[in-house]
Amino acid sequence: MSDWHPESWNPVWKVESIVMGLLSFMLSEEHSVGSLHEKAAARKKFAQASLDWNLKKNASGRFEKIFADHLVTLGIKKGPK
């Protein structure tokens, strides 16, 4: 799934499997190459900066459309009434 372990790539993986693997890596407290070792407050700050960048970069609204449910769950956008 990455250049670090090309031997572990499986061409039958679906996007969902890849995203779940990335989430598992990002949420893990395990020390590994490329992992982030920061306090929760710093992680939240990085997450907010990432979200802000994506919302700004994708002014067409595509990002918001794709992640609409998540933005509502996070309280960033209001859901349909």
PDB file of N, CA and C in Angstrom:
ATOM      1  N   MET A   1       0.821  -1.183   0.000  1.00  0.00           N
ATOM      2  CA  MET A   1       0.000   0.000   0.000  1.00  0.00           C
ATOM      3  C   MET A   1       0.869   1.252   0.000  1.00  0.00           C
ATOM      4  N   SER A   2       2.151   1.097   0.263  1.00  0.00           N
ATOM      5  CA  SER A   2       3.038   2.255   0.268  1.00  0.00           C
ATOM      6  C   SER A   2       4.402   1.848  -0.285  1.00  0.00           C
ATOM      7  N   ASP A   3       5.237   2.852  -0.506  1.00  0.00           N
ATOM      8  CA  ASP A   3       6.596   2.564  -0.967  1.00  0.00           C
ATOM      9  C   ASP A   3       7.430   1.874   0.105  1.00  0.00           C
ATOM     10  N   TRP A   4       6.990   2.011   1.364  1.00  0.00           N
ATOM     11  CA  TRP A   4       7.748   1.384   2.454  1.00  0.00           C
ATOM     12  C   TRP A   4       7.603  -0.131   2.432  1.00  0.00           C
ATOM     13  N   HIS A   5       6.443  -0.622   1.980  1.00  0.00           N
ATOM     14  CA  HIS A   5       6.197  -2.070   1.969  1.00  0.00           C
ATOM     15  C   HIS A   5       5.520  -2.473   0.657  1.00  0.00           C
ATOM     16  N   PRO A   6       6.201  -2.297  -0.471  1.00  0.00           N
ATOM     17  CA  PRO A   6       5.562  -2.626  -1.748  1.00  0.00           C
ATOM     18  C   PRO A   6       5.194  -4.107  -1.856  1.00  0.00           C
ATOM     19  N   GLU A   7       5.871  -4.944  -1.121  1.00  0.00           N
ATOM     20  CA  GLU A   7       5.578  -6.378  -1.177  1.00  0.00           C
ATOM     21  C   GLU A   7       4.218  -6.715  -0.569  1.00  0.00           C
ATOM     22  N   SER A   8       3.661  -5.799   0.223  1.00  0.00           N
ATOM     23  CA  SER A   8       2.374  -6.075   0.861  1.00  0.00           C
ATOM     24  C   SER A   8       1.190  -5.597   0.022  1.00  0.00           C
ATOM     25  N   TRP A   9       1.460  -5.011  -1.167  1.00  0.00           N
ATOM     26  CA  TRP A   9       0.379  -4.531  -2.021  1.00  0.00           C
ATOM     27  C   TRP A   9      -0.455  -5.701  -2.541  1.00  0.00           C
ATOM     28  N   ASN A  10      -1.758  -5.522  -2.525  1.00  0.00           N
ATOM     29  CA  ASN A  10      -2.674  -6.526  -3.032  1.00  0.00           C
ATOM     30  C   ASN A  10      -3.605  -5.838  -4.031  1.00  0.00           C
ATOM     31  N   PRO A  11      -3.544  -6.170  -5.307  1.00  0.00           N
ATOM     32  CA  PRO A  11      -4.334  -5.469  -6.320  1.00  0.00           C
ATOM     33  C   PRO A  11      -5.843  -5.655  -6.191  1.00  0.00           C
ATOM     34  N   VAL A  12      -6.305  -6.581  -5.364  1.00  0.00           N
ATOM     35  CA  VAL A  12      -7.754  -6.759  -5.203  1.00  0.00           C
ATOM     36  C   VAL A  12      -8.333  -5.889  -4.082  1.00  0.00           C
ATOM     37  N   TRP A  13      -7.492  -5.130  -3.389  1.00  0.00           N
ATOM     38  CA  TRP A  13      -7.992  -4.237  -2.348  1.00  0.00           C
ATOM     39  C   TRP A  13      -8.911  -3.197  -2.948  1.00  0.00           C
ATOM     40  N   LYS A  14      -9.957  -2.884  -2.225  1.00  0.00           N
ATOM     41  CA  LYS A  14     -10.873  -1.830  -2.634  1.00  0.00           C
ATOM     42  C   LYS A  14     -10.441  -0.542  -1.948  1.00  0.00           C
ATOM     43  N   VAL A  15     -10.944   0.566  -2.418  1.00  0.00           N
ATOM     44  CA  VAL A  15     -10.617   1.862  -1.831  1.00  0.00           C
ATOM     45  C   VAL A  15     -10.932   1.852  -0.338  1.00  0.00           C
ATOM     46  N   GLU A  16     -12.039   1.243   0.035  1.00  0.00           N
ATOM     47  CA  GLU A  16     -12.432   1.178   1.451  1.00  0.00           C
ATOM     48  C   GLU A  16     -11.352   0.500   2.291  1.00  0.00           C
ATOM     49  N   SER A  17     -10.778  -0.579   1.794  1.00  0.00           N
ATOM     50  CA  SER A  17      -9.729  -1.288   2.523  1.00  0.00           C
ATOM     51  C   SER A  17      -8.491  -0.419   2.703  1.00  0.00           C
ATOM     52  N   ILE A  18      -8.159   0.328   1.668  1.00  0.00           N
ATOM     53  CA  ILE A  18      -6.986   1.195   1.724  1.00  0.00           C
ATOM     54  C   ILE A  18      -7.213   2.326   2.717  1.00  0.00           C
ATOM     55  N   VAL A  19      -8.395   2.941   2.665  1.00  0.00           N
ATOM     56  CA  VAL A  19      -8.711   4.033   3.593  1.00  0.00           C
ATOM     57  C   VAL A  19      -8.721   3.529   5.031  1.00  0.00           C
ATOM     58  N   MET A  20      -9.283   2.363   5.258  1.00  0.00           N
ATOM     59  CA  MET A  20      -9.303   1.795   6.617  1.00  0.00           C
ATOM     60  C   MET A  20      -7.874   1.528   7.104  1.00  0.00           C
ATOM     61  N   GLY A  21      -7.011   1.067   6.230  1.00  0.00           N
ATOM     62  CA  GLY A  21      -5.614   0.849   6.596  1.00  0.00           C
ATOM     63  C   GLY A  21      -4.920   2.151   6.962  1.00  0.00           C
ATOM     64  N   LEU A  22      -5.178   3.197   6.174  1.00  0.00           N
ATOM     65  CA  LEU A  22      -4.584   4.502   6.468  1.00  0.00           C
ATOM     66  C   LEU A  22      -5.109   5.055   7.785  1.00  0.00           C
ATOM     67  N   LEU A  23      -6.414   4.925   8.014  1.00  0.00           N
ATOM     68  CA  LEU A  23      -6.989   5.388   9.285  1.00  0.00           C
ATOM     69  C   LEU A  23      -6.377   4.636  10.457  1.00  0.00           C
ATOM     70  N   SER A  24      -6.226   3.344  10.299  1.00  0.00           N
ATOM     71  CA  SER A  24      -5.626   2.537  11.354  1.00  0.00           C
ATOM     72  C   SER A  24      -4.224   3.045  11.678  1.00  0.00           C
ATOM     73  N   PHE A  25      -3.452   3.348  10.637  1.00  0.00           N
ATOM     74  CA  PHE A  25      -2.101   3.868  10.827  1.00  0.00           C
ATOM     75  C   PHE A  25      -2.138   5.231  11.520  1.00  0.00           C
ATOM     76  N   MET A  26      -3.034   6.110  11.035  1.00  0.00           N
ATOM     77  CA  MET A  26      -3.064   7.477  11.560  1.00  0.00           C
ATOM     78  C   MET A  26      -3.573   7.539  13.004  1.00  0.00           C
ATOM     79  N   LEU A  27      -4.431   6.617  13.394  1.00  0.00           N
ATOM     80  CA  LEU A  27      -5.003   6.649  14.734  1.00  0.00           C
ATOM     81  C   LEU A  27      -4.220   5.815  15.743  1.00  0.00           C
ATOM     82  N   SER A  28      -3.248   5.070  15.261  1.00  0.00           N
ATOM     83  CA  SER A  28      -2.460   4.203  16.129  1.00  0.00           C
ATOM     84  C   SER A  28      -1.451   5.003  16.959  1.00  0.00           C
ATOM     85  N   GLU A  29      -1.188   4.531  18.142  1.00  0.00           N
ATOM     86  CA  GLU A  29      -0.161   5.136  18.999  1.00  0.00           C
ATOM     87  C   GLU A  29       1.175   4.411  18.841  1.00  0.00           C
ATOM     88  N   GLU A  30       1.202   3.425  17.970  1.00  0.00           N
ATOM     89  CA  GLU A  30       2.408   2.636  17.738  1.00  0.00           C
ATOM     90  C   GLU A  30       3.491   3.501  17.091  1.00  0.00           C
ATOM     91  N   HIS A  31       4.712   3.337  17.533  1.00  0.00           N
ATOM     92  CA  HIS A  31       5.833   4.074  16.961  1.00  0.00           C
ATOM     93  C   HIS A  31       6.299   3.367  15.698  1.00  0.00           C
ATOM     94  N   SER A  32       6.237   4.081  14.578  1.00  0.00           N
ATOM     95  CA  SER A  32       6.699   3.520  13.317  1.00  0.00           C
ATOM     96  C   SER A  32       7.159   4.655  12.407  1.00  0.00           C
ATOM     97  N   VAL A  33       7.776   4.306  11.295  1.00  0.00           N
ATOM     98  CA  VAL A  33       8.275   5.303  10.351  1.00  0.00           C
ATOM     99  C   VAL A  33       7.093   6.116   9.824  1.00  0.00           C
ATOM    100  N   GLY A  34       7.205   7.416   9.924  1.00  0.00           N
ATOM    101  CA  GLY A  34       6.158   8.303   9.418  1.00  0.00           C
ATOM    102  C   GLY A  34       5.022   8.555  10.373  1.00  0.00           C
ATOM    103  N   SER A  35       5.067   7.946  11.549  1.00  0.00           N
ATOM    104  CA  SER A  35       3.977   8.157  12.495  1.00  0.00           C
ATOM    105  C   SER A  35       4.161   9.487  13.227  1.00  0.00           C
ATOM    106  N   LEU A  36       3.064   9.980  13.764  1.00  0.00           N
ATOM    107  CA  LEU A  36       3.044  11.275  14.427  1.00  0.00           C
ATOM    108  C   LEU A  36       2.911  11.067  15.926  1.00  0.00           C
ATOM    109  N   HIS A  37       3.790  11.683  16.683  1.00  0.00           N
ATOM    110  CA  HIS A  37       3.762  11.527  18.138  1.00  0.00           C
ATOM    111  C   HIS A  37       3.535  12.903  18.759  1.00  0.00           C
ATOM    112  N   GLU A  38       2.283  13.294  18.795  1.00  0.00           N
ATOM    113  CA  GLU A  38       1.904  14.598  19.328  1.00  0.00           C
ATOM    114  C   GLU A  38       0.740  14.426  20.292  1.00  0.00           C
ATOM    115  N   LYS A  39       0.567  15.397  21.136  1.00  0.00           N
ATOM    116  CA  LYS A  39      -0.567  15.403  22.067  1.00  0.00           C
ATOM    117  C   LYS A  39      -1.855  15.608  21.271  1.00  0.00           C
ATOM    118  N   ALA A  40      -2.980  15.269  21.881  1.00  0.00           N
ATOM    119  CA  ALA A  40      -4.285  15.374  21.215  1.00  0.00           C
ATOM    120  C   ALA A  40      -4.552  16.790  20.722  1.00  0.00           C
ATOM    121  N   ALA A  41      -4.184  17.798  21.493  1.00  0.00           N
ATOM    122  CA  ALA A  41      -4.430  19.186  21.094  1.00  0.00           C
ATOM    123  C   ALA A  41      -3.675  19.534  19.812  1.00  0.00           C
ATOM    124  N   ALA A  42      -2.443  19.063  19.681  1.00  0.00           N
ATOM    125  CA  ALA A  42      -1.666  19.326  18.468  1.00  0.00           C
ATOM    126  C   ALA A  42      -2.268  18.593  17.278  1.00  0.00           C
ATOM    127  N   ARG A  43      -2.723  17.367  17.497  1.00  0.00           N
ATOM    128  CA  ARG A  43      -3.350  16.600  16.420  1.00  0.00           C
ATOM    129  C   ARG A  43      -4.617  17.293  15.937  1.00  0.00           C
ATOM    130  N   LYS A  44      -5.404  17.811  16.869  1.00  0.00           N
ATOM    131  CA  LYS A  44      -6.625  18.527  16.496  1.00  0.00           C
ATOM    132  C   LYS A  44      -6.285  19.779  15.698  1.00  0.00           C
ATOM    133  N   LYS A  45      -5.213  20.463  16.081  1.00  0.00           N
ATOM    134  CA  LYS A  45      -4.783  21.654  15.363  1.00  0.00           C
ATOM    135  C   LYS A  45      -4.367  21.280  13.935  1.00  0.00           C
ATOM    136  N   PHE A  46      -3.614  20.194  13.778  1.00  0.00           N
ATOM    137  CA  PHE A  46      -3.207  19.732  12.454  1.00  0.00           C
ATOM    138  C   PHE A  46      -4.433  19.329  11.624  1.00  0.00           C
ATOM    139  N   ALA A  47      -5.380  18.639  12.261  1.00  0.00           N
ATOM    140  CA  ALA A  47      -6.591  18.209  11.558  1.00  0.00           C
ATOM    141  C   ALA A  47      -7.390  19.410  11.077  1.00  0.00           C
ATOM    142  N   GLN A  48      -7.505  20.433  11.920  1.00  0.00           N
ATOM    143  CA  GLN A  48      -8.242  21.638  11.535  1.00  0.00           C
ATOM    144  C   GLN A  48      -7.540  22.349  10.387  1.00  0.00           C
ATOM    145  N   ALA A  49      -6.221  22.427  10.443  1.00  0.00           N
ATOM    146  CA  ALA A  49      -5.456  23.060   9.364  1.00  0.00           C
ATOM    147  C   ALA A  49      -5.642  22.286   8.054  1.00  0.00           C
ATOM    148  N   SER A  50      -5.659  20.974   8.135  1.00  0.00           N
ATOM    149  CA  SER A  50      -5.861  20.139   6.956  1.00  0.00           C
ATOM    150  C   SER A  50      -7.251  20.353   6.377  1.00  0.00           C
ATOM    151  N   LEU A  51      -8.250  20.370   7.248  1.00  0.00           N
ATOM    152  CA  LEU A  51      -9.618  20.597   6.798  1.00  0.00           C
ATOM    153  C   LEU A  51      -9.755  21.972   6.154  1.00  0.00           C
ATOM    154  N   ASP A  52      -9.212  22.993   6.806  1.00  0.00           N
ATOM    155  CA  ASP A  52      -9.268  24.353   6.252  1.00  0.00           C
ATOM    156  C   ASP A  52      -8.621  24.405   4.870  1.00  0.00           C
ATOM    157  N   TRP A  53      -7.482  23.756   4.726  1.00  0.00           N
ATOM    158  CA  TRP A  53      -6.775  23.742   3.449  1.00  0.00           C
ATOM    159  C   TRP A  53      -7.631  23.072   2.378  1.00  0.00           C
ATOM    160  N   ASN A  54      -8.225  21.926   2.713  1.00  0.00           N
ATOM    161  CA  ASN A  54      -9.042  21.201   1.739  1.00  0.00           C
ATOM    162  C   ASN A  54     -10.277  21.992   1.331  1.00  0.00           C
ATOM    163  N   LEU A  55     -10.912  22.647   2.293  1.00  0.00           N
ATOM    164  CA  LEU A  55     -12.091  23.442   1.971  1.00  0.00           C
ATOM    165  C   LEU A  55     -11.719  24.620   1.069  1.00  0.00           C
ATOM    166  N   LYS A  56     -10.580  25.235   1.335  1.00  0.00           N
ATOM    167  CA  LYS A  56     -10.129  26.376   0.534  1.00  0.00           C
ATOM    168  C   LYS A  56      -9.653  25.925  -0.846  1.00  0.00           C
ATOM    169  N   LYS A  57      -8.865  24.867  -0.884  1.00  0.00           N
ATOM    170  CA  LYS A  57      -8.276  24.369  -2.125  1.00  0.00           C
ATOM    171  C   LYS A  57      -9.353  23.871  -3.091  1.00  0.00           C
ATOM    172  N   ASN A  58     -10.417  23.308  -2.551  1.00  0.00           N
ATOM    173  CA  ASN A  58     -11.482  22.742  -3.372  1.00  0.00           C
ATOM    174  C   ASN A  58     -12.690  23.670  -3.393  1.00  0.00           C
ATOM    175  N   ALA A  59     -12.455  24.892  -3.851  1.00  0.00           N
ATOM    176  CA  ALA A  59     -13.504  25.914  -3.862  1.00  0.00           C
ATOM    177  C   ALA A  59     -14.695  25.510  -4.728  1.00  0.00           C
ATOM    178  N   SER A  60     -14.511  24.537  -5.593  1.00  0.00           N
ATOM    179  CA  SER A  60     -15.602  24.074  -6.460  1.00  0.00           C
ATOM    180  C   SER A  60     -16.709  23.402  -5.652  1.00  0.00           C
ATOM    181  N   GLY A  61     -16.407  23.054  -4.399  1.00  0.00           N
ATOM    182  CA  GLY A  61     -17.394  22.379  -3.556  1.00  0.00           C
ATOM    183  C   GLY A  61     -17.313  20.867  -3.620  1.00  0.00           C
ATOM    184  N   ARG A  62     -16.404  20.341  -4.414  1.00  0.00           N
ATOM    185  CA  ARG A  62     -16.292  18.889  -4.565  1.00  0.00           C
ATOM    186  C   ARG A  62     -15.945  18.195  -3.244  1.00  0.00           C
ATOM    187  N   PHE A  63     -14.983  18.760  -2.519  1.00  0.00           N
ATOM    188  CA  PHE A  63     -14.594  18.178  -1.227  1.00  0.00           C
ATOM    189  C   PHE A  63     -15.795  18.144  -0.284  1.00  0.00           C
ATOM    190  N   GLU A  64     -16.508  19.264  -0.217  1.00  0.00           N
ATOM    191  CA  GLU A  64     -17.674  19.344   0.674  1.00  0.00           C
ATOM    192  C   GLU A  64     -18.759  18.347   0.261  1.00  0.00           C
ATOM    193  N   LYS A  65     -18.934  18.154  -1.027  1.00  0.00           N
ATOM    194  CA  LYS A  65     -19.943  17.205  -1.502  1.00  0.00           C
ATOM    195  C   LYS A  65     -19.564  15.777  -1.117  1.00  0.00           C
ATOM    196  N   ILE A  66     -18.303  15.427  -1.341  1.00  0.00           N
ATOM    197  CA  ILE A  66     -17.845  14.061  -1.053  1.00  0.00           C
ATOM    198  C   ILE A  66     -17.927  13.754   0.442  1.00  0.00           C
ATOM    199  N   PHE A  67     -17.549  14.738   1.267  1.00  0.00           N
ATOM    200  CA  PHE A  67     -17.487  14.509   2.704  1.00  0.00           C
ATOM    201  C   PHE A  67     -18.620  15.187   3.466  1.00  0.00           C
ATOM    202  N   ALA A  68     -19.736  15.432   2.797  1.00  0.00           N
ATOM    203  CA  ALA A  68     -20.858  16.171   3.390  1.00  0.00           C
ATOM    204  C   ALA A  68     -21.304  15.567   4.722  1.00  0.00           C
ATOM    205  N   ASP A  69     -21.505  14.264   4.773  1.00  0.00           N
ATOM    206  CA  ASP A  69     -21.979  13.627   6.009  1.00  0.00           C
ATOM    207  C   ASP A  69     -20.989  13.819   7.150  1.00  0.00           C
ATOM    208  N   HIS A  70     -19.710  13.737   6.850  1.00  0.00           N
ATOM    209  CA  HIS A  70     -18.687  13.891   7.883  1.00  0.00           C
ATOM    210  C   HIS A  70     -18.625  15.338   8.390  1.00  0.00           C
ATOM    211  N   LEU A  71     -18.802  16.286   7.494  1.00  0.00           N
ATOM    212  CA  LEU A  71     -18.780  17.693   7.897  1.00  0.00           C
ATOM    213  C   LEU A  71     -19.967  18.000   8.805  1.00  0.00           C
ATOM    214  N   VAL A  72     -21.100  17.369   8.554  1.00  0.00           N
ATOM    215  CA  VAL A  72     -22.277  17.532   9.424  1.00  0.00           C
ATOM    216  C   VAL A  72     -21.999  16.883  10.781  1.00  0.00           C
ATOM    217  N   THR A  73     -21.457  15.667  10.758  1.00  0.00           N
ATOM    218  CA  THR A  73     -21.138  14.962  12.009  1.00  0.00           C
ATOM    219  C   THR A  73     -20.176  15.760  12.870  1.00  0.00           C
ATOM    220  N   LEU A  74     -19.214  16.407  12.236  1.00  0.00           N
ATOM    221  CA  LEU A  74     -18.232  17.209  12.977  1.00  0.00           C
ATOM    222  C   LEU A  74     -18.769  18.566  13.388  1.00  0.00           C
ATOM    223  N   GLY A  75     -19.977  18.899  12.910  1.00  0.00           N
ATOM    224  CA  GLY A  75     -20.573  20.183  13.267  1.00  0.00           C
ATOM    225  C   GLY A  75     -20.030  21.350  12.458  1.00  0.00           C
ATOM    226  N   ILE A  76     -19.389  21.054  11.340  1.00  0.00           N
ATOM    227  CA  ILE A  76     -18.813  22.099  10.502  1.00  0.00           C
ATOM    228  C   ILE A  76     -19.874  22.657   9.541  1.00  0.00           C
ATOM    229  N   LYS A  77     -20.753  21.778   9.101  1.00  0.00           N
ATOM    230  CA  LYS A  77     -21.846  22.168   8.210  1.00  0.00           C
ATOM    231  C   LYS A  77     -23.162  21.680   8.810  1.00  0.00           C
ATOM    232  N   LYS A  78     -24.236  22.359   8.449  1.00  0.00           N
ATOM    233  CA  LYS A  78     -25.571  21.937   8.908  1.00  0.00           C
ATOM    234  C   LYS A  78     -26.122  20.924   7.933  1.00  0.00           C
ATOM    235  N   GLY A  79     -26.798  19.938   8.473  1.00  0.00           N
ATOM    236  CA  GLY A  79     -27.397  18.909   7.653  1.00  0.00           C
ATOM    237  C   GLY A  79     -28.745  19.339   7.122  1.00  0.00           C
ATOM    238  N   PRO A  80     -29.324  18.522   6.239  1.00  0.00           N
ATOM    239  CA  PRO A  80     -30.639  18.843   5.703  1.00  0.00           C
ATOM    240  C   PRO A  80     -31.692  18.798   6.810  1.00  0.00           C
ATOM    241  N   LYS A  81     -32.661  19.674   6.683  1.00  0.00           N
ATOM    242  CA  LYS A  81     -33.725  19.717   7.702  1.00  0.00           C
ATOM    243  C   LYS A  81     -34.917  18.896   7.296  1.00  0.00           C
TER     244      LYS A  81
END
